[in-house]
Amino acid sequence: MSRVCQLTGKKAIVGNRVSHSNRKTKRKFNVNLISKRFFIPEENRWITLKISTSALKNINKNGISAVLKEAREKGFIK
């Protein structure tokens, strides 16, 4: 599975590593991902998602049901 958040669609971006002498070489900024299990009370089941920590903050704020509904509307989850 790739390093992409299943709820927000965040993925790695490319930038430059800049040395002290100001030389630039390519590098990758990865997303801070975790695997987490959530209980969905409407479906009465557990799901495991690979999410970014910012998506976890959204879940804590809005609730798992609201965040899943929004992710389905955006097409990140089927």
Protein backbone atom coordinates (compact mmCIF):
# COMPACT_ATOMS: atom_id res chain seq x y z
CA MET A 1 0.00 0.00 0.00
CA SER A 2 1.30 3.44 -0.88
CA ARG A 3 1.99 6.23 1.58
CA VAL A 4 -1.27 8.10 1.01
CA CYS A 5 -3.83 9.12 3.62
CA GLN A 6 -7.10 7.28 2.99
CA LEU A 7 -9.26 10.11 4.34
CA THR A 8 -7.59 13.30 3.12
CA GLY A 9 -5.61 12.06 0.11
CA LYS A 10 -2.38 13.59 1.39
CA LYS A 11 0.78 12.15 -0.16
CA ALA A 12 4.50 12.85 -0.35
CA ILE A 13 5.76 15.98 -2.08
CA VAL A 14 9.17 16.68 -3.60
CA GLY A 15 11.48 19.49 -2.62
CA ASN A 16 15.14 20.36 -2.29
CA ARG A 17 17.66 19.48 0.38
CA VAL A 18 19.83 22.59 0.71
CA SER A 19 23.35 22.21 2.05
CA HIS A 20 25.41 24.80 3.90
CA SER A 21 27.09 25.71 0.60
CA ASN A 22 23.59 26.18 -0.91
CA ARG A 23 23.77 23.12 -3.18
CA LYS A 24 20.34 21.69 -3.92
CA THR A 25 19.53 18.00 -4.27
CA LYS A 26 16.09 16.44 -4.54
CA ARG A 27 14.41 14.99 -1.47
CA LYS A 28 10.96 13.76 -0.50
CA PHE A 29 8.70 15.10 2.24
CA ASN A 30 6.67 12.09 3.44
CA VAL A 31 3.30 12.31 5.16
CA ASN A 32 3.06 11.47 8.85
CA LEU A 33 0.90 8.32 8.56
CA ILE A 34 -0.41 5.90 11.18
CA SER A 35 -2.56 2.77 10.99
CA LYS A 36 -5.56 3.04 13.30
CA ARG A 37 -8.67 0.96 13.98
CA PHE A 38 -12.02 2.71 14.34
CA PHE A 39 -15.40 1.40 15.41
CA ILE A 40 -18.26 2.50 13.16
CA PRO A 41 -21.44 2.39 15.29
CA GLU A 42 -23.84 2.76 12.31
CA GLU A 43 -22.38 -0.34 10.62
CA ASN A 44 -21.52 -2.07 13.93
CA ARG A 45 -18.01 -3.02 12.74
CA TRP A 46 -14.34 -2.11 13.03
CA ILE A 47 -12.30 -0.70 10.14
CA THR A 48 -8.55 -0.16 9.86
CA LEU A 49 -7.43 2.99 8.08
CA LYS A 50 -4.02 4.37 7.15
CA ILE A 51 -4.46 8.04 7.98
CA SER A 52 -2.37 11.15 8.51
CA THR A 53 -2.15 12.65 11.97
CA SER A 54 -4.03 15.73 10.75
CA ALA A 55 -6.90 13.44 9.69
CA LEU A 56 -6.85 11.95 13.19
CA LYS A 57 -7.30 15.45 14.61
CA ASN A 58 -10.30 15.93 12.29
CA ILE A 59 -11.78 12.63 13.51
CA ASN A 60 -11.34 13.69 17.13
CA LYS A 61 -13.01 17.03 16.37
CA ASN A 62 -15.86 16.03 14.03
CA GLY A 63 -16.35 12.29 14.65
CA ILE A 64 -15.54 9.28 12.49
CA SER A 65 -18.95 9.18 10.78
CA ALA A 66 -18.76 12.77 9.53
CA VAL A 67 -15.18 12.38 8.31
CA LEU A 68 -15.97 9.11 6.48
CA LYS A 69 -18.99 10.74 4.82
CA GLU A 70 -16.85 13.64 3.61
CA ALA A 71 -14.13 11.26 2.33
CA ARG A 72 -16.74 9.28 0.38
CA GLU A 73 -18.03 12.49 -1.22
CA LYS A 74 -14.51 13.45 -2.29
CA GLY A 75 -13.89 9.96 -3.68
CA PHE A 76 -11.11 8.84 -1.33
CA ILE A 77 -13.21 5.91 -0.03
CA LYS A 78 -15.66 3.78 -1.99
